[in-house]
Amino acid sequence: MKLCGAYRSAAAFRVRVAMNLKGIVPETVPIDLMAGEQDGGDYDEVNPLHLVPTLVDGDAVLQQSVAIIEYLDEIQPEPSLLPGDAATRSRIRALGLAISPDTHPLHTIRVYKYLVDSYGINDDQFTDWTAHRMSIDLWCRGEDPGGHRR
C-alpha cells in the first residue's frame, strides 16, 4: 500500500490514525501542498481531483479520507474502527462527519489560496474568518462560540 498525503493535511492525518490503529504501515508518498505538487505532474495521474490523501492498494486507487478509512475497515476488519452497537457506531460516524465535511474545508490550502488570491486577505484575516465560520457552525448546533449550550 502507498499513502500519498501531506504531513499537515487533516484528511491525510485521519487516514494515518486509522492505519496506525489497524497496524498497517504503508509506503508514504509526501505531497507538498504549499509547493502545488498536488496540481500536476505525476500526482495528476494518481489523483486527477488534486486532493490528498490518496491510497494506492494494488489496482485500487482510493480518494477521500472517509472512503479510505471505510475501505481499510472492510479489508482488515480487526480491530474494528466502529465498535459497539448500531447506535454507538452511528454516533462515531456522526462525529467523523462533523469534522470531515463540516469543518475541514474551512482550513484547507485550496480555500486559503482562493481567499488570498480573490480577496487579498492575510493570515490573521484567514484565521479570523475560519474561527468565525466555525463559531457559526457551533451556534447552529446549539452552542455559543465559548462552548456553552444555548
N, C-alpha and C. Protein backbone atom coordinates (compact mmCIF):
# COMPACT_ATOMS: atom_id res chain seq x y z
N MET A 1 0.83 -1.19 0.00
CA MET A 1 0.00 0.00 0.00
C MET A 1 0.87 1.24 0.00
N LYS A 2 0.42 2.23 -0.75
CA LYS A 2 1.06 3.54 -0.75
C LYS A 2 0.04 4.58 -0.31
N LEU A 3 0.44 5.44 0.59
CA LEU A 3 -0.42 6.54 1.03
C LEU A 3 0.22 7.85 0.60
N CYS A 4 -0.44 8.52 -0.33
CA CYS A 4 0.01 9.83 -0.79
C CYS A 4 -0.69 10.87 0.06
N GLY A 5 0.09 11.74 0.67
CA GLY A 5 -0.52 12.74 1.53
C GLY A 5 0.46 13.82 1.93
N ALA A 6 -0.06 14.75 2.68
CA ALA A 6 0.74 15.85 3.20
C ALA A 6 0.75 15.75 4.71
N TYR A 7 1.90 16.01 5.31
CA TYR A 7 2.05 15.88 6.75
C TYR A 7 1.03 16.73 7.50
N ARG A 8 0.77 17.94 7.02
CA ARG A 8 -0.13 18.85 7.73
C ARG A 8 -1.59 18.71 7.31
N SER A 9 -1.90 17.81 6.42
CA SER A 9 -3.27 17.62 5.97
C SER A 9 -4.08 16.87 7.02
N ALA A 10 -5.17 17.48 7.47
CA ALA A 10 -6.03 16.82 8.46
C ALA A 10 -6.66 15.56 7.86
N ALA A 11 -6.99 15.60 6.58
CA ALA A 11 -7.59 14.42 5.94
C ALA A 11 -6.59 13.26 5.89
N ALA A 12 -5.36 13.55 5.52
CA ALA A 12 -4.33 12.51 5.50
C ALA A 12 -4.05 12.01 6.91
N PHE A 13 -4.10 12.91 7.88
CA PHE A 13 -3.88 12.54 9.28
C PHE A 13 -4.94 11.53 9.73
N ARG A 14 -6.20 11.75 9.36
CA ARG A 14 -7.27 10.81 9.73
C ARG A 14 -6.95 9.41 9.22
N VAL A 15 -6.47 9.33 7.98
CA VAL A 15 -6.15 8.02 7.40
C VAL A 15 -4.95 7.40 8.12
N ARG A 16 -3.93 8.22 8.42
CA ARG A 16 -2.77 7.68 9.15
C ARG A 16 -3.17 7.14 10.51
N VAL A 17 -4.08 7.82 11.19
CA VAL A 17 -4.56 7.33 12.50
C VAL A 17 -5.25 5.98 12.33
N ALA A 18 -6.14 5.87 11.35
CA ALA A 18 -6.85 4.61 11.12
C ALA A 18 -5.87 3.49 10.79
N MET A 19 -4.89 3.78 9.95
CA MET A 19 -3.89 2.77 9.58
C MET A 19 -3.07 2.35 10.80
N ASN A 20 -2.72 3.31 11.62
CA ASN A 20 -1.96 3.01 12.83
C ASN A 20 -2.78 2.11 13.78
N LEU A 21 -4.06 2.43 13.96
CA LEU A 21 -4.92 1.60 14.81
C LEU A 21 -5.02 0.17 14.30
N LYS A 22 -4.96 0.01 13.00
CA LYS A 22 -5.06 -1.31 12.40
C LYS A 22 -3.70 -2.00 12.23
N GLY A 23 -2.63 -1.29 12.55
CA GLY A 23 -1.30 -1.87 12.40
C GLY A 23 -0.83 -1.95 10.96
N ILE A 24 -1.38 -1.12 10.10
CA ILE A 24 -1.00 -1.10 8.68
C ILE A 24 0.08 -0.03 8.49
N VAL A 25 1.20 -0.43 7.92
CA VAL A 25 2.30 0.51 7.68
C VAL A 25 2.48 0.66 6.17
N PRO A 26 1.95 1.76 5.61
CA PRO A 26 2.06 1.93 4.16
C PRO A 26 3.39 2.57 3.78
N GLU A 27 3.72 2.47 2.51
CA GLU A 27 4.78 3.30 1.97
C GLU A 27 4.18 4.70 1.87
N THR A 28 4.89 5.70 2.34
CA THR A 28 4.35 7.06 2.28
C THR A 28 4.94 7.82 1.10
N VAL A 29 4.08 8.57 0.43
CA VAL A 29 4.49 9.41 -0.69
C VAL A 29 4.10 10.83 -0.30
N PRO A 30 5.08 11.64 0.13
CA PRO A 30 4.74 13.00 0.55
C PRO A 30 4.38 13.89 -0.64
N ILE A 31 3.34 14.69 -0.43
CA ILE A 31 2.89 15.66 -1.43
C ILE A 31 2.97 17.03 -0.77
N ASP A 32 3.76 17.93 -1.33
CA ASP A 32 3.93 19.27 -0.78
C ASP A 32 2.82 20.17 -1.32
N LEU A 33 1.81 20.40 -0.49
CA LEU A 33 0.66 21.19 -0.92
C LEU A 33 1.02 22.66 -1.15
N MET A 34 1.89 23.19 -0.32
CA MET A 34 2.26 24.60 -0.47
C MET A 34 3.04 24.84 -1.77
N ALA A 35 3.77 23.82 -2.22
CA ALA A 35 4.51 23.93 -3.48
C ALA A 35 3.63 23.59 -4.68
N GLY A 36 2.41 23.12 -4.42
CA GLY A 36 1.49 22.81 -5.52
C GLY A 36 1.71 21.45 -6.16
N GLU A 37 2.40 20.52 -5.47
CA GLU A 37 2.67 19.21 -6.05
C GLU A 37 1.40 18.42 -6.37
N GLN A 38 0.30 18.77 -5.72
CA GLN A 38 -0.97 18.07 -5.96
C GLN A 38 -1.61 18.49 -7.28
N ASP A 39 -1.14 19.57 -7.86
CA ASP A 39 -1.81 20.15 -9.02
C ASP A 39 -1.26 19.71 -10.37
N GLY A 40 -0.35 18.81 -10.43
CA GLY A 40 0.15 18.40 -11.74
C GLY A 40 1.20 17.32 -11.62
N GLY A 41 1.90 17.11 -12.70
CA GLY A 41 2.97 16.12 -12.71
C GLY A 41 2.47 14.71 -12.49
N ASP A 42 3.27 13.92 -11.82
CA ASP A 42 2.93 12.51 -11.58
C ASP A 42 1.67 12.34 -10.73
N TYR A 43 1.47 13.25 -9.78
CA TYR A 43 0.31 13.10 -8.89
C TYR A 43 -1.01 13.28 -9.65
N ASP A 44 -0.99 14.06 -10.70
CA ASP A 44 -2.18 14.26 -11.51
C ASP A 44 -2.69 12.93 -12.06
N GLU A 45 -1.78 12.03 -12.37
CA GLU A 45 -2.18 10.72 -12.88
C GLU A 45 -2.77 9.84 -11.78
N VAL A 46 -2.31 10.03 -10.55
CA VAL A 46 -2.81 9.25 -9.42
C VAL A 46 -4.16 9.78 -8.94
N ASN A 47 -4.27 11.09 -8.83
CA ASN A 47 -5.50 11.69 -8.34
C ASN A 47 -5.83 12.95 -9.16
N PRO A 48 -6.64 12.80 -10.19
CA PRO A 48 -6.99 13.94 -11.03
C PRO A 48 -7.81 15.01 -10.30
N LEU A 49 -8.30 14.70 -9.08
CA LEU A 49 -9.00 15.69 -8.28
C LEU A 49 -8.03 16.64 -7.58
N HIS A 50 -6.74 16.26 -7.57
CA HIS A 50 -5.67 17.07 -6.99
C HIS A 50 -5.84 17.26 -5.49
N LEU A 51 -6.34 16.23 -4.81
CA LEU A 51 -6.54 16.29 -3.37
C LEU A 51 -5.71 15.21 -2.68
N VAL A 52 -5.46 15.39 -1.40
CA VAL A 52 -4.86 14.36 -0.58
C VAL A 52 -5.86 14.03 0.52
N PRO A 53 -5.83 12.79 0.98
CA PRO A 53 -4.91 11.71 0.64
C PRO A 53 -5.43 10.87 -0.53
N THR A 54 -4.51 10.07 -1.03
CA THR A 54 -4.84 9.02 -1.99
C THR A 54 -4.17 7.75 -1.50
N LEU A 55 -4.92 6.66 -1.48
CA LEU A 55 -4.38 5.36 -1.10
C LEU A 55 -4.33 4.50 -2.34
N VAL A 56 -3.15 3.94 -2.61
CA VAL A 56 -2.98 3.02 -3.72
C VAL A 56 -2.73 1.64 -3.12
N ASP A 57 -3.65 0.71 -3.40
CA ASP A 57 -3.54 -0.66 -2.89
C ASP A 57 -3.70 -1.59 -4.09
N GLY A 58 -2.56 -1.95 -4.68
CA GLY A 58 -2.61 -2.76 -5.89
C GLY A 58 -3.24 -1.95 -7.01
N ASP A 59 -4.31 -2.49 -7.59
CA ASP A 59 -5.02 -1.79 -8.66
C ASP A 59 -6.03 -0.78 -8.14
N ALA A 60 -6.33 -0.84 -6.84
CA ALA A 60 -7.30 0.08 -6.24
C ALA A 60 -6.63 1.42 -5.94
N VAL A 61 -7.23 2.49 -6.45
CA VAL A 61 -6.76 3.85 -6.17
C VAL A 61 -7.93 4.57 -5.52
N LEU A 62 -7.77 4.93 -4.26
CA LEU A 62 -8.87 5.46 -3.47
C LEU A 62 -8.59 6.88 -3.01
N GLN A 63 -9.62 7.72 -3.07
CA GLN A 63 -9.53 9.09 -2.59
C GLN A 63 -10.57 9.31 -1.50
N GLN A 64 -10.44 10.44 -0.83
CA GLN A 64 -11.33 10.90 0.23
C GLN A 64 -11.11 10.07 1.50
N SER A 65 -10.75 10.77 2.56
CA SER A 65 -10.34 10.11 3.80
C SER A 65 -11.40 9.17 4.36
N VAL A 66 -12.65 9.58 4.39
CA VAL A 66 -13.70 8.72 4.97
C VAL A 66 -13.85 7.44 4.16
N ALA A 67 -13.84 7.55 2.83
CA ALA A 67 -13.94 6.36 1.98
C ALA A 67 -12.73 5.45 2.17
N ILE A 68 -11.56 6.03 2.31
CA ILE A 68 -10.35 5.23 2.53
C ILE A 68 -10.43 4.50 3.87
N ILE A 69 -10.87 5.20 4.91
CA ILE A 69 -10.99 4.58 6.23
C ILE A 69 -12.00 3.44 6.21
N GLU A 70 -13.13 3.63 5.53
CA GLU A 70 -14.10 2.54 5.41
C GLU A 70 -13.52 1.36 4.65
N TYR A 71 -12.76 1.63 3.60
CA TYR A 71 -12.10 0.58 2.84
C TYR A 71 -11.16 -0.22 3.75
N LEU A 72 -10.36 0.49 4.54
CA LEU A 72 -9.42 -0.19 5.44
C LEU A 72 -10.16 -1.08 6.43
N ASP A 73 -11.29 -0.60 6.93
CA ASP A 73 -12.06 -1.39 7.88
C ASP A 73 -12.67 -2.62 7.23
N GLU A 74 -12.98 -2.52 5.94
CA GLU A 74 -13.55 -3.67 5.24
C GLU A 74 -12.50 -4.71 4.86
N ILE A 75 -11.31 -4.26 4.47
CA ILE A 75 -10.29 -5.24 4.07
C ILE A 75 -9.57 -5.84 5.27
N GLN A 76 -9.60 -5.14 6.40
CA GLN A 76 -8.99 -5.65 7.63
C GLN A 76 -9.95 -5.35 8.79
N PRO A 77 -10.92 -6.24 9.00
CA PRO A 77 -11.99 -5.97 9.97
C PRO A 77 -11.54 -5.84 11.43
N GLU A 78 -10.42 -6.42 11.77
CA GLU A 78 -9.97 -6.35 13.17
C GLU A 78 -8.66 -5.58 13.27
N PRO A 79 -8.54 -4.72 14.25
CA PRO A 79 -9.60 -4.25 15.14
C PRO A 79 -10.56 -3.33 14.40
N SER A 80 -11.82 -3.43 14.77
CA SER A 80 -12.84 -2.63 14.11
C SER A 80 -12.70 -1.16 14.49
N LEU A 81 -12.87 -0.29 13.51
CA LEU A 81 -12.85 1.14 13.78
C LEU A 81 -14.22 1.63 14.24
N LEU A 82 -15.23 0.78 14.13
CA LEU A 82 -16.58 1.12 14.55
C LEU A 82 -17.10 0.08 15.55
N PRO A 83 -16.58 0.09 16.76
CA PRO A 83 -17.02 -0.91 17.74
C PRO A 83 -18.39 -0.56 18.32
N GLY A 84 -18.96 -1.51 19.03
CA GLY A 84 -20.21 -1.27 19.74
C GLY A 84 -21.44 -1.62 18.93
N ASP A 85 -22.57 -1.18 19.47
CA ASP A 85 -23.86 -1.45 18.82
C ASP A 85 -24.12 -0.43 17.71
N ALA A 86 -25.25 -0.57 17.04
CA ALA A 86 -25.57 0.30 15.91
C ALA A 86 -25.63 1.77 16.31
N ALA A 87 -26.19 2.07 17.48
CA ALA A 87 -26.30 3.46 17.93
C ALA A 87 -24.91 4.05 18.19
N THR A 88 -24.02 3.28 18.78
CA THR A 88 -22.66 3.75 19.05
C THR A 88 -21.91 3.98 17.74
N ARG A 89 -22.03 3.05 16.80
CA ARG A 89 -21.37 3.22 15.51
C ARG A 89 -21.92 4.44 14.76
N SER A 90 -23.22 4.68 14.88
CA SER A 90 -23.81 5.87 14.25
C SER A 90 -23.25 7.14 14.86
N ARG A 91 -23.08 7.16 16.16
CA ARG A 91 -22.50 8.34 16.85
C ARG A 91 -21.08 8.58 16.38
N ILE A 92 -20.29 7.51 16.23
CA ILE A 92 -18.92 7.63 15.75
C ILE A 92 -18.91 8.20 14.33
N ARG A 93 -19.78 7.69 13.47
CA ARG A 93 -19.88 8.21 12.10
C ARG A 93 -20.28 9.69 12.10
N ALA A 94 -21.23 10.06 12.95
CA ALA A 94 -21.68 11.45 13.03
C ALA A 94 -20.55 12.38 13.46
N LEU A 95 -19.74 11.95 14.42
CA LEU A 95 -18.60 12.77 14.84
C LEU A 95 -17.60 12.93 13.71
N GLY A 96 -17.35 11.85 12.99
CA GLY A 96 -16.43 11.93 11.84
C GLY A 96 -16.95 12.86 10.76
N LEU A 97 -18.25 12.83 10.52
CA LEU A 97 -18.83 13.70 9.50
C LEU A 97 -18.89 15.15 9.96
N ALA A 98 -18.98 15.39 11.25
CA ALA A 98 -18.94 16.76 11.76
C ALA A 98 -17.58 17.38 11.48
N ILE A 99 -16.56 16.56 11.46
CA ILE A 99 -15.21 17.05 11.20
C ILE A 99 -14.92 17.10 9.70
N SER A 100 -15.16 15.99 9.01
CA SER A 100 -14.74 15.89 7.61
C SER A 100 -15.42 16.89 6.68
N PRO A 101 -16.72 16.84 6.49
CA PRO A 101 -17.30 17.82 5.55
C PRO A 101 -17.69 19.15 6.18
N ASP A 102 -17.87 19.21 7.49
CA ASP A 102 -18.37 20.44 8.10
C ASP A 102 -17.27 21.45 8.43
N THR A 103 -16.21 21.01 9.07
CA THR A 103 -15.19 21.97 9.50
C THR A 103 -13.91 21.90 8.69
N HIS A 104 -13.55 20.73 8.20
CA HIS A 104 -12.29 20.56 7.49
C HIS A 104 -12.15 21.50 6.29
N PRO A 105 -13.16 21.66 5.45
CA PRO A 105 -12.98 22.52 4.27
C PRO A 105 -12.65 23.97 4.60
N LEU A 106 -12.96 24.40 5.81
CA LEU A 106 -12.72 25.79 6.18
C LEU A 106 -11.23 26.14 6.26
N HIS A 107 -10.39 25.16 6.46
CA HIS A 107 -8.97 25.48 6.65
C HIS A 107 -8.04 24.71 5.73
N THR A 108 -8.51 24.45 4.51
CA THR A 108 -7.65 23.77 3.55
C THR A 108 -6.82 24.79 2.76
N ILE A 109 -5.74 24.32 2.17
CA ILE A 109 -4.89 25.15 1.34
C ILE A 109 -5.70 25.75 0.18
N ARG A 110 -6.59 24.93 -0.39
CA ARG A 110 -7.39 25.37 -1.53
C ARG A 110 -8.26 26.58 -1.17
N VAL A 111 -8.91 26.53 -0.02
CA VAL A 111 -9.75 27.66 0.43
C VAL A 111 -8.86 28.85 0.77
N TYR A 112 -7.76 28.59 1.46
CA TYR A 112 -6.84 29.67 1.83
C TYR A 112 -6.34 30.41 0.58
N LYS A 113 -5.87 29.64 -0.40
CA LYS A 113 -5.36 30.28 -1.62
C LYS A 113 -6.44 31.07 -2.35
N TYR A 114 -7.65 30.54 -2.38
CA TYR A 114 -8.74 31.26 -3.04
C TYR A 114 -9.00 32.60 -2.35
N LEU A 115 -9.06 32.59 -1.03
CA LEU A 115 -9.34 33.83 -0.30
C LEU A 115 -8.19 34.83 -0.42
N VAL A 116 -6.96 34.35 -0.43
CA VAL A 116 -5.81 35.24 -0.61
C VAL A 116 -5.83 35.82 -2.03
N ASP A 117 -5.98 34.95 -3.02
CA ASP A 117 -5.93 35.40 -4.41
C ASP A 117 -7.14 36.27 -4.79
N SER A 118 -8.31 35.93 -4.32
CA SER A 118 -9.53 36.65 -4.72
C SER A 118 -9.79 37.91 -3.90
N TYR A 119 -9.40 37.87 -2.62
CA TYR A 119 -9.76 38.98 -1.74
C TYR A 119 -8.57 39.62 -1.05
N GLY A 120 -7.38 39.08 -1.29
CA GLY A 120 -6.17 39.67 -0.73
C GLY A 120 -6.07 39.61 0.79
N ILE A 121 -6.72 38.62 1.39
CA ILE A 121 -6.65 38.54 2.85
C ILE A 121 -5.27 38.09 3.30
N ASN A 122 -4.93 38.39 4.55
CA ASN A 122 -3.66 37.94 5.13
C ASN A 122 -3.94 36.78 6.10
N ASP A 123 -2.88 36.25 6.70
CA ASP A 123 -3.01 35.09 7.59
C ASP A 123 -3.94 35.38 8.77
N ASP A 124 -3.81 36.55 9.38
CA ASP A 124 -4.66 36.89 10.53
C ASP A 124 -6.13 36.95 10.12
N GLN A 125 -6.40 37.52 8.95
CA GLN A 125 -7.77 37.60 8.48
C GLN A 125 -8.33 36.21 8.16
N PHE A 126 -7.49 35.34 7.61
CA PHE A 126 -7.94 33.97 7.34
C PHE A 126 -8.27 33.26 8.64
N THR A 127 -7.41 33.43 9.65
CA THR A 127 -7.66 32.81 10.95
C THR A 127 -8.96 33.33 11.55
N ASP A 128 -9.18 34.64 11.47
CA ASP A 128 -10.41 35.23 11.99
C ASP A 128 -11.63 34.70 11.24
N TRP A 129 -11.54 34.61 9.91
CA TRP A 129 -12.65 34.12 9.10
C TRP A 129 -12.97 32.67 9.47
N THR A 130 -11.93 31.84 9.58
CA THR A 130 -12.13 30.43 9.93
C THR A 130 -12.79 30.31 11.29
N ALA A 131 -12.30 31.04 12.28
CA ALA A 131 -12.88 31.00 13.63
C ALA A 131 -14.34 31.45 13.60
N HIS A 132 -14.62 32.49 12.83
CA HIS A 132 -16.00 32.98 12.71
C HIS A 132 -16.91 31.92 12.10
N ARG A 133 -16.46 31.29 11.00
CA ARG A 133 -17.28 30.25 10.35
C ARG A 133 -17.52 29.09 11.29
N MET A 134 -16.50 28.69 12.03
CA MET A 134 -16.66 27.56 12.95
C MET A 134 -17.57 27.95 14.10
N SER A 135 -17.53 29.19 14.55
CA SER A 135 -18.42 29.60 15.64
C SER A 135 -19.86 29.64 15.16
N ILE A 136 -20.10 30.00 13.89
CA ILE A 136 -21.46 29.96 13.34
C ILE A 136 -21.96 28.52 13.32
N ASP A 137 -21.08 27.59 12.90
CA ASP A 137 -21.47 26.18 12.89
C ASP A 137 -21.82 25.71 14.30
N LEU A 138 -21.04 26.11 15.29
CA LEU A 138 -21.33 25.73 16.67
C LEU A 138 -22.66 26.33 17.13
N TRP A 139 -22.88 27.60 16.79
CA TRP A 139 -24.12 28.27 17.19
C TRP A 139 -25.33 27.55 16.59
N CYS A 140 -25.22 27.13 15.33
CA CYS A 140 -26.32 26.41 14.68
C CYS A 140 -26.57 25.07 15.34
N ARG A 141 -25.56 24.53 15.96
CA ARG A 141 -25.71 23.25 16.66
C ARG A 141 -26.20 23.44 18.10
N GLY A 142 -26.44 24.69 18.49
CA GLY A 142 -26.95 24.92 19.83
C GLY A 142 -25.89 25.30 20.85
N GLU A 143 -24.70 25.69 20.40
CA GLU A 143 -23.66 26.12 21.31
C GLU A 143 -23.20 27.51 20.93
N ASP A 144 -22.79 28.28 21.93
CA ASP A 144 -22.19 29.57 21.58
C ASP A 144 -20.71 29.33 21.34
N PRO A 145 -20.00 30.29 20.73
CA PRO A 145 -18.58 30.09 20.40
C PRO A 145 -17.72 29.78 21.61
N GLY A 146 -18.17 30.10 22.81
CA GLY A 146 -17.41 29.77 24.02
C GLY A 146 -17.62 28.34 24.47
N GLY A 147 -18.46 27.59 23.75
CA GLY A 147 -18.66 26.20 24.07
C GLY A 147 -19.82 25.94 25.04
N HIS A 148 -20.61 26.97 25.36
CA HIS A 148 -21.73 26.82 26.28
C HIS A 148 -23.00 26.46 25.50
N ARG A 149 -23.79 25.60 26.04
CA ARG A 149 -25.05 25.22 25.41
C ARG A 149 -26.03 26.38 25.47
N ARG A 150 -26.83 26.57 24.41
CA ARG A 150 -27.88 27.60 24.43
C ARG A 150 -29.04 27.09 25.23
